[in-house]
Amino acid sequence: MNGFENRIYLAQIGQVTLSDCLACSGCVTSAETVLLQEQSGDEFLKRAETSPLTVVSISAEARTSIAVHNREDPLLTLRRAAEGLRRLGADLVLEASAAEAVALLEGQAEFLQRFRS
């Protein structure tokens, strides 16, 4: 089998639909099935009801993809998504880069607290 035939054969084996996509730059495989189940809408609602603080981060890629689909500004998309997620129980909705900065600051504060004592 030459390289071209091999690519055609491989393309016929994998069948991933757009609804399977997490925009994570990886492929959905059986290993990610558990992650998909843990990140379902029902699981979010269950955890939002029982958690003392529910924080949601939205990646720039997801925000932009939704904005393009809805033909609107990405910041408006983020604002609308945040409003909807807050109605569902999220206490804080951040763009992923802001969430990363908050996590780094919290980690720094925890480190300083532990090692200054």
PDB file of N, CA and C in Angstrom:
ATOM      1  N   MET A   1       0.853  -1.172   0.000  1.00  0.00           N
ATOM      2  CA  MET A   1       0.000   0.000   0.000  1.00  0.00           C
ATOM      3  C   MET A   1       0.900   1.235   0.000  1.00  0.00           C
ATOM      4  N   ASN A   2       0.715   2.145  -0.961  1.00  0.00           N
ATOM      5  CA  ASN A   2       1.544   3.351  -0.975  1.00  0.00           C
ATOM      6  C   ASN A   2       1.015   4.377   0.029  1.00  0.00           C
ATOM      7  N   GLY A   3       1.726   5.475   0.199  1.00  0.00           N
ATOM      8  CA  GLY A   3       1.361   6.485   1.195  1.00  0.00           C
ATOM      9  C   GLY A   3      -0.022   7.081   0.959  1.00  0.00           C
ATOM     10  N   PHE A   4      -0.363   7.332  -0.315  1.00  0.00           N
ATOM     11  CA  PHE A   4      -1.671   7.906  -0.624  1.00  0.00           C
ATOM     12  C   PHE A   4      -2.800   6.952  -0.250  1.00  0.00           C
ATOM     13  N   GLU A   5      -2.646   5.673  -0.633  1.00  0.00           N
ATOM     14  CA  GLU A   5      -3.664   4.675  -0.286  1.00  0.00           C
ATOM     15  C   GLU A   5      -3.770   4.508   1.226  1.00  0.00           C
ATOM     16  N   ASN A   6      -2.652   4.597   1.923  1.00  0.00           N
ATOM     17  CA  ASN A   6      -2.640   4.473   3.376  1.00  0.00           C
ATOM     18  C   ASN A   6      -3.431   5.611   4.017  1.00  0.00           C
ATOM     19  N   ARG A   7      -3.274   6.829   3.512  1.00  0.00           N
ATOM     20  CA  ARG A   7      -4.013   7.963   4.061  1.00  0.00           C
ATOM     21  C   ARG A   7      -5.514   7.798   3.827  1.00  0.00           C
ATOM     22  N   ILE A   8      -5.893   7.323   2.672  1.00  0.00           N
ATOM     23  CA  ILE A   8      -7.310   7.102   2.380  1.00  0.00           C
ATOM     24  C   ILE A   8      -7.873   6.043   3.319  1.00  0.00           C
ATOM     25  N   TYR A   9      -7.133   4.965   3.523  1.00  0.00           N
ATOM     26  CA  TYR A   9      -7.573   3.901   4.419  1.00  0.00           C
ATOM     27  C   TYR A   9      -7.753   4.441   5.836  1.00  0.00           C
ATOM     28  N   LEU A  10      -6.790   5.200   6.327  1.00  0.00           N
ATOM     29  CA  LEU A  10      -6.888   5.756   7.681  1.00  0.00           C
ATOM     30  C   LEU A  10      -8.045   6.737   7.799  1.00  0.00           C
ATOM     31  N   ALA A  11      -8.285   7.525   6.758  1.00  0.00           N
ATOM     32  CA  ALA A  11      -9.381   8.495   6.798  1.00  0.00           C
ATOM     33  C   ALA A  11     -10.733   7.795   6.895  1.00  0.00           C
ATOM     34  N   GLN A  12     -10.834   6.605   6.340  1.00  0.00           N
ATOM     35  CA  GLN A  12     -12.095   5.891   6.383  1.00  0.00           C
ATOM     36  C   GLN A  12     -12.340   5.251   7.746  1.00  0.00           C
ATOM     37  N   ILE A  13     -11.289   4.984   8.514  1.00  0.00           N
ATOM     38  CA  ILE A  13     -11.451   4.357   9.821  1.00  0.00           C
ATOM     39  C   ILE A  13     -12.007   5.348  10.839  1.00  0.00           C
ATOM     40  N   GLY A  14     -11.385   6.527  10.951  1.00  0.00           N
ATOM     41  CA  GLY A  14     -11.783   7.495  11.964  1.00  0.00           C
ATOM     42  C   GLY A  14     -12.997   8.284  11.519  1.00  0.00           C
ATOM     43  N   GLN A  15     -14.019   8.311  12.351  1.00  0.00           N
ATOM     44  CA  GLN A  15     -15.202   9.096  12.040  1.00  0.00           C
ATOM     45  C   GLN A  15     -15.564   9.920  13.267  1.00  0.00           C
ATOM     46  N   VAL A  16     -15.163  11.174  13.253  1.00  0.00           N
ATOM     47  CA  VAL A  16     -15.449  12.091  14.347  1.00  0.00           C
ATOM     48  C   VAL A  16     -16.333  13.189  13.781  1.00  0.00           C
ATOM     49  N   THR A  17     -17.444  13.452  14.424  1.00  0.00           N
ATOM     50  CA  THR A  17     -18.342  14.494  13.948  1.00  0.00           C
ATOM     51  C   THR A  17     -18.053  15.793  14.691  1.00  0.00           C
ATOM     52  N   LEU A  18     -18.608  16.879  14.191  1.00  0.00           N
ATOM     53  CA  LEU A  18     -18.418  18.175  14.817  1.00  0.00           C
ATOM     54  C   LEU A  18     -18.948  18.194  16.245  1.00  0.00           C
ATOM     55  N   SER A  19     -19.993  17.438  16.516  1.00  0.00           N
ATOM     56  CA  SER A  19     -20.542  17.401  17.872  1.00  0.00           C
ATOM     57  C   SER A  19     -19.588  16.718  18.852  1.00  0.00           C
ATOM     58  N   ASP A  20     -18.608  15.958  18.344  1.00  0.00           N
ATOM     59  CA  ASP A  20     -17.600  15.320  19.196  1.00  0.00           C
ATOM     60  C   ASP A  20     -16.458  16.267  19.541  1.00  0.00           C
ATOM     61  N   CYS A  21     -16.351  17.368  18.839  1.00  0.00           N
ATOM     62  CA  CYS A  21     -15.189  18.246  18.960  1.00  0.00           C
ATOM     63  C   CYS A  21     -15.258  19.089  20.222  1.00  0.00           C
ATOM     64  N   LEU A  22     -14.136  19.119  20.942  1.00  0.00           N
ATOM     65  CA  LEU A  22     -14.010  19.949  22.138  1.00  0.00           C
ATOM     66  C   LEU A  22     -13.130  21.157  21.866  1.00  0.00           C
ATOM     67  N   ALA A  23     -12.676  21.342  20.627  1.00  0.00           N
ATOM     68  CA  ALA A  23     -11.768  22.421  20.248  1.00  0.00           C
ATOM     69  C   ALA A  23     -10.531  22.421  21.136  1.00  0.00           C
ATOM     70  N   CYS A  24     -10.034  21.227  21.460  1.00  0.00           N
ATOM     71  CA  CYS A  24      -8.898  21.094  22.373  1.00  0.00           C
ATOM     72  C   CYS A  24      -7.619  20.753  21.635  1.00  0.00           C
ATOM     73  N   SER A  25      -7.632  20.741  20.335  1.00  0.00           N
ATOM     74  CA  SER A  25      -6.518  20.386  19.459  1.00  0.00           C
ATOM     75  C   SER A  25      -6.123  18.919  19.561  1.00  0.00           C
ATOM     76  N   GLY A  26      -6.989  18.096  20.071  1.00  0.00           N
ATOM     77  CA  GLY A  26      -6.751  16.660  20.134  1.00  0.00           C
ATOM     78  C   GLY A  26      -7.911  15.929  19.491  1.00  0.00           C
ATOM     79  N   CYS A  27      -7.802  14.628  19.434  1.00  0.00           N
ATOM     80  CA  CYS A  27      -8.881  13.825  18.861  1.00  0.00           C
ATOM     81  C   CYS A  27      -9.679  13.143  19.960  1.00  0.00           C
ATOM     82  N   VAL A  28     -10.941  12.950  19.718  1.00  0.00           N
ATOM     83  CA  VAL A  28     -11.791  12.244  20.662  1.00  0.00           C
ATOM     84  C   VAL A  28     -11.541  10.757  20.494  1.00  0.00           C
ATOM     85  N   THR A  29     -11.117  10.106  21.559  1.00  0.00           N
ATOM     86  CA  THR A  29     -10.876   8.670  21.544  1.00  0.00           C
ATOM     87  C   THR A  29     -11.604   8.059  22.722  1.00  0.00           C
ATOM     88  N   SER A  30     -11.497   6.770  22.863  1.00  0.00           N
ATOM     89  CA  SER A  30     -12.164   6.110  23.987  1.00  0.00           C
ATOM     90  C   SER A  30     -11.625   6.605  25.326  1.00  0.00           C
ATOM     91  N   ALA A  31     -10.374   7.055  25.369  1.00  0.00           N
ATOM     92  CA  ALA A  31      -9.798   7.568  26.618  1.00  0.00           C
ATOM     93  C   ALA A  31     -10.489   8.854  27.063  1.00  0.00           C
ATOM     94  N   GLU A  32     -11.011   9.622  26.120  1.00  0.00           N
ATOM     95  CA  GLU A  32     -11.678  10.877  26.467  1.00  0.00           C
ATOM     96  C   GLU A  32     -13.161  10.694  26.780  1.00  0.00           C
ATOM     97  N   THR A  33     -13.685   9.498  26.623  1.00  0.00           N
ATOM     98  CA  THR A  33     -15.107   9.265  26.887  1.00  0.00           C
ATOM     99  C   THR A  33     -15.479   9.644  28.305  1.00  0.00           C
ATOM    100  N   VAL A  34     -14.641   9.277  29.259  1.00  0.00           N
ATOM    101  CA  VAL A  34     -14.911   9.612  30.658  1.00  0.00           C
ATOM    102  C   VAL A  34     -14.913  11.123  30.846  1.00  0.00           C
ATOM    103  N   LEU A  35     -13.960  11.803  30.215  1.00  0.00           N
ATOM    104  CA  LEU A  35     -13.913  13.259  30.325  1.00  0.00           C
ATOM    105  C   LEU A  35     -15.178  13.892  29.748  1.00  0.00           C
ATOM    106  N   LEU A  36     -15.650  13.372  28.623  1.00  0.00           N
ATOM    107  CA  LEU A  36     -16.872  13.897  28.030  1.00  0.00           C
ATOM    108  C   LEU A  36     -18.065  13.706  28.961  1.00  0.00           C
ATOM    109  N   GLN A  37     -18.135  12.561  29.606  1.00  0.00           N
ATOM    110  CA  GLN A  37     -19.241  12.298  30.523  1.00  0.00           C
ATOM    111  C   GLN A  37     -19.161  13.208  31.739  1.00  0.00           C
ATOM    112  N   GLU A  38     -17.944  13.480  32.227  1.00  0.00           N
ATOM    113  CA  GLU A  38     -17.774  14.338  33.392  1.00  0.00           C
ATOM    114  C   GLU A  38     -18.007  15.803  33.066  1.00  0.00           C
ATOM    115  N   GLN A  39     -18.035  16.165  31.791  1.00  0.00           N
ATOM    116  CA  GLN A  39     -18.215  17.547  31.398  1.00  0.00           C
ATOM    117  C   GLN A  39     -19.563  17.773  30.718  1.00  0.00           C
ATOM    118  N   SER A  40     -20.528  16.943  31.023  1.00  0.00           N
ATOM    119  CA  SER A  40     -21.851  17.086  30.423  1.00  0.00           C
ATOM    120  C   SER A  40     -22.626  18.215  31.095  1.00  0.00           C
ATOM    121  N   GLY A  41     -23.695  18.628  30.462  1.00  0.00           N
ATOM    122  CA  GLY A  41     -24.549  19.656  31.042  1.00  0.00           C
ATOM    123  C   GLY A  41     -25.146  19.222  32.369  1.00  0.00           C
ATOM    124  N   ASP A  42     -25.584  17.970  32.445  1.00  0.00           N
ATOM    125  CA  ASP A  42     -26.159  17.458  33.694  1.00  0.00           C
ATOM    126  C   ASP A  42     -25.129  17.459  34.814  1.00  0.00           C
ATOM    127  N   GLU A  43     -23.896  17.066  34.483  1.00  0.00           N
ATOM    128  CA  GLU A  43     -22.829  17.043  35.497  1.00  0.00           C
ATOM    129  C   GLU A  43     -22.504  18.454  35.967  1.00  0.00           C
ATOM    130  N   PHE A  44     -22.500  19.417  35.051  1.00  0.00           N
ATOM    131  CA  PHE A  44     -22.262  20.813  35.431  1.00  0.00           C
ATOM    132  C   PHE A  44     -23.327  21.300  36.409  1.00  0.00           C
ATOM    133  N   LEU A  45     -24.593  21.046  36.071  1.00  0.00           N
ATOM    134  CA  LEU A  45     -25.688  21.497  36.947  1.00  0.00           C
ATOM    135  C   LEU A  45     -25.598  20.845  38.317  1.00  0.00           C
ATOM    136  N   LYS A  46     -25.267  19.554  38.356  1.00  0.00           N
ATOM    137  CA  LYS A  46     -25.145  18.850  39.630  1.00  0.00           C
ATOM    138  C   LYS A  46     -24.027  19.452  40.476  1.00  0.00           C
ATOM    139  N   ARG A  47     -22.899  19.693  39.856  1.00  0.00           N
ATOM    140  CA  ARG A  47     -21.760  20.249  40.602  1.00  0.00           C
ATOM    141  C   ARG A  47     -21.990  21.708  40.977  1.00  0.00           C
ATOM    142  N   ALA A  48     -22.664  22.466  40.144  1.00  0.00           N
ATOM    143  CA  ALA A  48     -22.932  23.874  40.451  1.00  0.00           C
ATOM    144  C   ALA A  48     -23.832  23.998  41.676  1.00  0.00           C
ATOM    145  N   GLU A  49     -24.756  23.051  41.842  1.00  0.00           N
ATOM    146  CA  GLU A  49     -25.658  23.076  42.996  1.00  0.00           C
ATOM    147  C   GLU A  49     -24.941  22.720  44.294  1.00  0.00           C
ATOM    148  N   THR A  50     -23.929  21.863  44.224  1.00  0.00           N
ATOM    149  CA  THR A  50     -23.291  21.357  45.441  1.00  0.00           C
ATOM    150  C   THR A  50     -21.958  22.025  45.766  1.00  0.00           C
ATOM    151  N   SER A  51     -21.359  22.737  44.832  1.00  0.00           N
ATOM    152  CA  SER A  51     -20.052  23.352  45.062  1.00  0.00           C
ATOM    153  C   SER A  51     -20.213  24.719  45.726  1.00  0.00           C
ATOM    154  N   PRO A  52     -19.306  25.052  46.646  1.00  0.00           N
ATOM    155  CA  PRO A  52     -19.371  26.372  47.273  1.00  0.00           C
ATOM    156  C   PRO A  52     -19.037  27.494  46.285  1.00  0.00           C
ATOM    157  N   LEU A  53     -18.235  27.182  45.266  1.00  0.00           N
ATOM    158  CA  LEU A  53     -17.860  28.169  44.255  1.00  0.00           C
ATOM    159  C   LEU A  53     -17.715  27.450  42.924  1.00  0.00           C
ATOM    160  N   THR A  54     -18.435  27.916  41.917  1.00  0.00           N
ATOM    161  CA  THR A  54     -18.360  27.329  40.584  1.00  0.00           C
ATOM    162  C   THR A  54     -17.743  28.349  39.642  1.00  0.00           C
ATOM    163  N   VAL A  55     -16.565  28.020  39.112  1.00  0.00           N
ATOM    164  CA  VAL A  55     -15.849  28.897  38.196  1.00  0.00           C
ATOM    165  C   VAL A  55     -15.782  28.215  36.836  1.00  0.00           C
ATOM    166  N   VAL A  56     -16.131  28.945  35.785  1.00  0.00           N
ATOM    167  CA  VAL A  56     -16.097  28.426  34.420  1.00  0.00           C
ATOM    168  C   VAL A  56     -15.112  29.265  33.624  1.00  0.00           C
ATOM    169  N   SER A  57     -14.237  28.600  32.865  1.00  0.00           N
ATOM    170  CA  SER A  57     -13.343  29.324  31.963  1.00  0.00           C
ATOM    171  C   SER A  57     -13.728  28.974  30.529  1.00  0.00           C
ATOM    172  N   ILE A  58     -13.666  29.970  29.672  1.00  0.00           N
ATOM    173  CA  ILE A  58     -14.013  29.794  28.261  1.00  0.00           C
ATOM    174  C   ILE A  58     -12.779  30.138  27.440  1.00  0.00           C
ATOM    175  N   SER A  59     -12.330  29.201  26.615  1.00  0.00           N
ATOM    176  CA  SER A  59     -11.136  29.451  25.811  1.00  0.00           C
ATOM    177  C   SER A  59     -11.425  30.486  24.726  1.00  0.00           C
ATOM    178  N   ALA A  60     -10.376  31.171  24.322  1.00  0.00           N
ATOM    179  CA  ALA A  60     -10.510  32.154  23.248  1.00  0.00           C
ATOM    180  C   ALA A  60     -10.977  31.483  21.958  1.00  0.00           C
ATOM    181  N   GLU A  61     -10.508  30.251  21.735  1.00  0.00           N
ATOM    182  CA  GLU A  61     -10.899  29.532  20.520  1.00  0.00           C
ATOM    183  C   GLU A  61     -12.389  29.212  20.517  1.00  0.00           C
ATOM    184  N   ALA A  62     -12.907  28.740  21.650  1.00  0.00           N
ATOM    185  CA  ALA A  62     -14.335  28.427  21.733  1.00  0.00           C
ATOM    186  C   ALA A  62     -15.173  29.687  21.598  1.00  0.00           C
ATOM    187  N   ARG A  63     -14.756  30.739  22.283  1.00  0.00           N
ATOM    188  CA  ARG A  63     -15.485  32.013  22.226  1.00  0.00           C
ATOM    189  C   ARG A  63     -15.523  32.535  20.796  1.00  0.00           C
ATOM    190  N   THR A  64     -14.388  32.497  20.103  1.00  0.00           N
ATOM    191  CA  THR A  64     -14.323  33.002  18.737  1.00  0.00           C
ATOM    192  C   THR A  64     -15.139  32.138  17.788  1.00  0.00           C
ATOM    193  N   SER A  65     -15.083  30.829  17.961  1.00  0.00           N
ATOM    194  CA  SER A  65     -15.863  29.927  17.113  1.00  0.00           C
ATOM    195  C   SER A  65     -17.365  30.198  17.254  1.00  0.00           C
ATOM    196  N   ILE A  66     -17.810  30.366  18.482  1.00  0.00           N
ATOM    197  CA  ILE A  66     -19.233  30.663  18.716  1.00  0.00           C
ATOM    198  C   ILE A  66     -19.589  32.028  18.145  1.00  0.00           C
ATOM    199  N   ALA A  67     -18.706  33.003  18.302  1.00  0.00           N
ATOM    200  CA  ALA A  67     -18.954  34.352  17.771  1.00  0.00           C
ATOM    201  C   ALA A  67     -19.086  34.334  16.250  1.00  0.00           C
ATOM    202  N   VAL A  68     -18.203  33.606  15.599  1.00  0.00           N
ATOM    203  CA  VAL A  68     -18.272  33.507  14.131  1.00  0.00           C
ATOM    204  C   VAL A  68     -19.578  32.836  13.720  1.00  0.00           C
ATOM    205  N   HIS A  69     -19.939  31.768  14.419  1.00  0.00           N
ATOM    206  CA  HIS A  69     -21.184  31.066  14.102  1.00  0.00           C
ATOM    207  C   HIS A  69     -22.393  31.992  14.257  1.00  0.00           C
ATOM    208  N   ASN A  70     -22.392  32.814  15.303  1.00  0.00           N
ATOM    209  CA  ASN A  70     -23.517  33.726  15.563  1.00  0.00           C
ATOM    210  C   ASN A  70     -23.371  35.077  14.881  1.00  0.00           C
ATOM    211  N   ARG A  71     -22.250  35.269  14.178  1.00  0.00           N
ATOM    212  CA  ARG A  71     -21.967  36.530  13.475  1.00  0.00           C
ATOM    213  C   ARG A  71     -22.046  37.721  14.430  1.00  0.00           C
ATOM    214  N   GLU A  72     -21.297  37.610  15.530  1.00  0.00           N
ATOM    215  CA  GLU A  72     -21.265  38.701  16.499  1.00  0.00           C
ATOM    216  C   GLU A  72     -19.848  38.875  17.032  1.00  0.00           C
ATOM    217  N   ASP A  73     -19.641  39.943  17.738  1.00  0.00           N
ATOM    218  CA  ASP A  73     -18.348  40.253  18.316  1.00  0.00           C
ATOM    219  C   ASP A  73     -17.989  39.229  19.398  1.00  0.00           C
ATOM    220  N   PRO A  74     -16.734  38.761  19.441  1.00  0.00           N
ATOM    221  CA  PRO A  74     -16.337  37.774  20.456  1.00  0.00           C
ATOM    222  C   PRO A  74     -16.567  38.231  21.902  1.00  0.00           C
ATOM    223  N   LEU A  75     -16.390  39.511  22.185  1.00  0.00           N
ATOM    224  CA  LEU A  75     -16.634  39.989  23.553  1.00  0.00           C
ATOM    225  C   LEU A  75     -18.114  39.935  23.912  1.00  0.00           C
ATOM    226  N   LEU A  76     -18.973  40.221  22.937  1.00  0.00           N
ATOM    227  CA  LEU A  76     -20.412  40.089  23.167  1.00  0.00           C
ATOM    228  C   LEU A  76     -20.759  38.623  23.408  1.00  0.00           C
ATOM    229  N   THR A  77     -20.135  37.734  22.661  1.00  0.00           N
ATOM    230  CA  THR A  77     -20.348  36.299  22.855  1.00  0.00           C
ATOM    231  C   THR A  77     -19.946  35.878  24.262  1.00  0.00           C
ATOM    232  N   LEU A  78     -18.788  36.344  24.722  1.00  0.00           N
ATOM    233  CA  LEU A  78     -18.332  36.021  26.074  1.00  0.00           C
ATOM    234  C   LEU A  78     -19.318  36.553  27.113  1.00  0.00           C
ATOM    235  N   ARG A  79     -19.786  37.769  26.929  1.00  0.00           N
ATOM    236  CA  ARG A  79     -20.747  38.363  27.873  1.00  0.00           C
ATOM    237  C   ARG A  79     -22.046  37.547  27.912  1.00  0.00           C
ATOM    238  N   ARG A  80     -22.545  37.172  26.744  1.00  0.00           N
ATOM    239  CA  ARG A  80     -23.791  36.385  26.695  1.00  0.00           C
ATOM    240  C   ARG A  80     -23.609  34.999  27.309  1.00  0.00           C
ATOM    241  N   ALA A  81     -22.472  34.381  27.013  1.00  0.00           N
ATOM    242  CA  ALA A  81     -22.197  33.057  27.590  1.00  0.00           C
ATOM    243  C   ALA A  81     -22.095  33.161  29.109  1.00  0.00           C
ATOM    244  N   ALA A  82     -21.440  34.204  29.590  1.00  0.00           N
ATOM    245  CA  ALA A  82     -21.297  34.395  31.033  1.00  0.00           C
ATOM    246  C   ALA A  82     -22.659  34.594  31.694  1.00  0.00           C
ATOM    247  N   GLU A  83     -23.511  35.377  31.078  1.00  0.00           N
ATOM    248  CA  GLU A  83     -24.858  35.590  31.634  1.00  0.00           C
ATOM    249  C   GLU A  83     -25.630  34.278  31.703  1.00  0.00           C
ATOM    250  N   GLY A  84     -25.565  33.501  30.637  1.00  0.00           N
ATOM    251  CA  GLY A  84     -26.268  32.215  30.612  1.00  0.00           C
ATOM    252  C   GLY A  84     -25.709  31.235  31.634  1.00  0.00           C
ATOM    253  N   LEU A  85     -24.390  31.174  31.745  1.00  0.00           N
ATOM    254  CA  LEU A  85     -23.773  30.257  32.703  1.00  0.00           C
ATOM    255  C   LEU A  85     -24.059  30.676  34.147  1.00  0.00           C
ATOM    256  N   ARG A  86     -24.132  31.979  34.403  1.00  0.00           N
ATOM    257  CA  ARG A  86     -24.480  32.433  35.755  1.00  0.00           C
ATOM    258  C   ARG A  86     -25.917  32.035  36.110  1.00  0.00           C
ATOM    259  N   ARG A  87     -26.801  32.109  35.135  1.00  0.00           N
ATOM    260  CA  ARG A  87     -28.190  31.676  35.383  1.00  0.00           C
ATOM    261  C   ARG A  87     -28.243  30.182  35.698  1.00  0.00           C
ATOM    262  N   LEU A  88     -27.288  29.422  35.173  1.00  0.00           N
ATOM    263  CA  LEU A  88     -27.248  27.974  35.412  1.00  0.00           C
ATOM    264  C   LEU A  88     -26.502  27.605  36.691  1.00  0.00           C
ATOM    265  N   GLY A  89     -25.889  28.598  37.356  1.00  0.00           N
ATOM    266  CA  GLY A  89     -25.245  28.312  38.626  1.00  0.00           C
ATOM    267  C   GLY A  89     -23.778  28.663  38.733  1.00  0.00           C
ATOM    268  N   ALA A  90     -23.170  29.162  37.673  1.00  0.00           N
ATOM    269  CA  ALA A  90     -21.758  29.559  37.753  1.00  0.00           C
ATOM    270  C   ALA A  90     -21.645  30.845  38.557  1.00  0.00           C
ATOM    271  N   ASP A  91     -20.679  30.870  39.458  1.00  0.00           N
ATOM    272  CA  ASP A  91     -20.445  32.078  40.250  1.00  0.00           C
ATOM    273  C   ASP A  91     -19.527  33.050  39.523  1.00  0.00           C
ATOM    274  N   LEU A  92     -18.607  32.502  38.739  1.00  0.00           N
ATOM    275  CA  LEU A  92     -17.624  33.325  38.050  1.00  0.00           C
ATOM    276  C   LEU A  92     -17.348  32.713  36.686  1.00  0.00           C
ATOM    277  N   VAL A  93     -17.373  33.537  35.647  1.00  0.00           N
ATOM    278  CA  VAL A  93     -17.079  33.079  34.284  1.00  0.00           C
ATOM    279  C   VAL A  93     -15.942  33.938  33.754  1.00  0.00           C
ATOM    280  N   LEU A  94     -14.841  33.292  33.378  1.00  0.00           N
ATOM    281  CA  LEU A  94     -13.640  33.996  32.928  1.00  0.00           C
ATOM    282  C   LEU A  94     -13.190  33.497  31.570  1.00  0.00           C
ATOM    283  N   GLU A  95     -12.543  34.375  30.821  1.00  0.00           N
ATOM    284  CA  GLU A  95     -11.848  33.954  29.621  1.00  0.00           C
ATOM    285  C   GLU A  95     -10.639  33.162  30.107  1.00  0.00           C
ATOM    286  N   ALA A  96     -10.236  32.144  29.380  1.00  0.00           N
ATOM    287  CA  ALA A  96      -9.227  31.188  29.857  1.00  0.00           C
ATOM    288  C   ALA A  96      -7.920  31.844  30.276  1.00  0.00           C
ATOM    289  N   SER A  97      -7.457  32.865  29.567  1.00  0.00           N
ATOM    290  CA  SER A  97      -6.195  33.507  29.949  1.00  0.00           C
ATOM    291  C   SER A  97      -6.342  34.228  31.286  1.00  0.00           C
ATOM    292  N   ALA A  98      -7.503  34.796  31.561  1.00  0.00           N
ATOM    293  CA  ALA A  98      -7.748  35.426  32.862  1.00  0.00           C
ATOM    294  C   ALA A  98      -7.820  34.365  33.952  1.00  0.00           C
ATOM    295  N   ALA A  99      -8.446  33.241  33.651  1.00  0.00           N
ATOM    296  CA  ALA A  99      -8.527  32.145  34.622  1.00  0.00           C
ATOM    297  C   ALA A  99      -7.131  31.630  34.950  1.00  0.00           C
ATOM    298  N   GLU A 100      -6.262  31.554  33.954  1.00  0.00           N
ATOM    299  CA  GLU A 100      -4.891  31.103  34.178  1.00  0.00           C
ATOM    300  C   GLU A 100      -4.153  32.085  35.087  1.00  0.00           C
ATOM    301  N   ALA A 101      -4.345  33.384  34.856  1.00  0.00           N
ATOM    302  CA  ALA A 101      -3.688  34.397  35.690  1.00  0.00           C
ATOM    303  C   ALA A 101      -4.171  34.300  37.137  1.00  0.00           C
ATOM    304  N   VAL A 102      -5.477  34.106  37.333  1.00  0.00           N
ATOM    305  CA  VAL A 102      -6.028  33.966  38.686  1.00  0.00           C
ATOM    306  C   VAL A 102      -5.435  32.727  39.362  1.00  0.00           C
ATOM    307  N   ALA A 103      -5.355  31.618  38.636  1.00  0.00           N
ATOM    308  CA  ALA A 103      -4.795  30.390  39.196  1.00  0.00           C
ATOM    309  C   ALA A 103      -3.334  30.583  39.603  1.00  0.00           C
ATOM    310  N   LEU A 104      -2.568  31.301  38.786  1.00  0.00           N
ATOM    311  CA  LEU A 104      -1.171  31.560  39.130  1.00  0.00           C
ATOM    312  C   LEU A 104      -1.061  32.435  40.376  1.00  0.00           C
ATOM    313  N   LEU A 105      -1.892  33.461  40.484  1.00  0.00           N
ATOM    314  CA  LEU A 105      -1.877  34.325  41.670  1.00  0.00           C
ATOM    315  C   LEU A 105      -2.285  33.556  42.922  1.00  0.00           C
ATOM    316  N   GLU A 106      -3.292  32.705  42.795  1.00  0.00           N
ATOM    317  CA  GLU A 106      -3.721  31.891  43.937  1.00  0.00           C
ATOM    318  C   GLU A 106      -2.628  30.912  44.348  1.00  0.00           C
ATOM    319  N   GLY A 107      -1.967  30.316  43.370  1.00  0.00           N
ATOM    320  CA  GLY A 107      -0.867  29.408  43.667  1.00  0.00           C
ATOM    321  C   GLY A 107       0.284  30.121  44.357  1.00  0.00           C
ATOM    322  N   GLN A 108       0.581  31.329  43.904  1.00  0.00           N
ATOM    323  CA  GLN A 108       1.637  32.123  44.526  1.00  0.00           C
ATOM    324  C   GLN A 108       1.273  32.463  45.970  1.00  0.00           C
ATOM    325  N   ALA A 109       0.046  32.886  46.199  1.00  0.00           N
ATOM    326  CA  ALA A 109      -0.395  33.224  47.554  1.00  0.00           C
ATOM    327  C   ALA A 109      -0.330  32.005  48.472  1.00  0.00           C
ATOM    328  N   GLU A 110      -0.749  30.857  47.970  1.00  0.00           N
ATOM    329  CA  GLU A 110      -0.705  29.632  48.776  1.00  0.00           C
ATOM    330  C   GLU A 110       0.740  29.243  49.087  1.00  0.00           C
ATOM    331  N   PHE A 111       1.611  29.365  48.107  1.00  0.00           N
ATOM    332  CA  PHE A 111       3.026  29.051  48.313  1.00  0.00           C
ATOM    333  C   PHE A 111       3.625  29.953  49.394  1.00  0.00           C
ATOM    334  N   LEU A 112       3.372  31.250  49.270  1.00  0.00           N
ATOM    335  CA  LEU A 112       3.915  32.188  50.249  1.00  0.00           C
ATOM    336  C   LEU A 112       3.360  31.931  51.644  1.00  0.00           C
ATOM    337  N   GLN A 113       2.090  31.624  51.743  1.00  0.00           N
ATOM    338  CA  GLN A 113       1.469  31.347  53.031  1.00  0.00           C
ATOM    339  C   GLN A 113       2.091  30.110  53.682  1.00  0.00           C
ATOM    340  N   ARG A 114       2.315  29.070  52.926  1.00  0.00           N
ATOM    341  CA  ARG A 114       2.879  27.826  53.465  1.00  0.00           C
ATOM    342  C   ARG A 114       4.305  27.981  53.923  1.00  0.00           C
ATOM    343  N   PHE A 115       5.118  28.714  53.167  1.00  0.00           N
ATOM    344  CA  PHE A 115       6.538  28.742  53.438  1.00  0.00           C
ATOM    345  C   PHE A 115       6.988  29.961  54.258  1.00  0.00           C
ATOM    346  N   ARG A 116       6.099  30.881  54.536  1.00  0.00           N
ATOM    347  CA  ARG A 116       6.428  32.001  55.420  1.00  0.00           C
ATOM    348  C   ARG A 116       6.080  31.695  56.859  1.00  0.00           C
ATOM    349  N   SER A 117       5.251  30.667  57.031  1.00  0.00           N
ATOM    350  CA  SER A 117       4.805  30.328  58.386  1.00  0.00           C
ATOM    351  C   SER A 117       5.863  29.579  59.147  1.00  0.00           C
TER     352      SER A 117
END
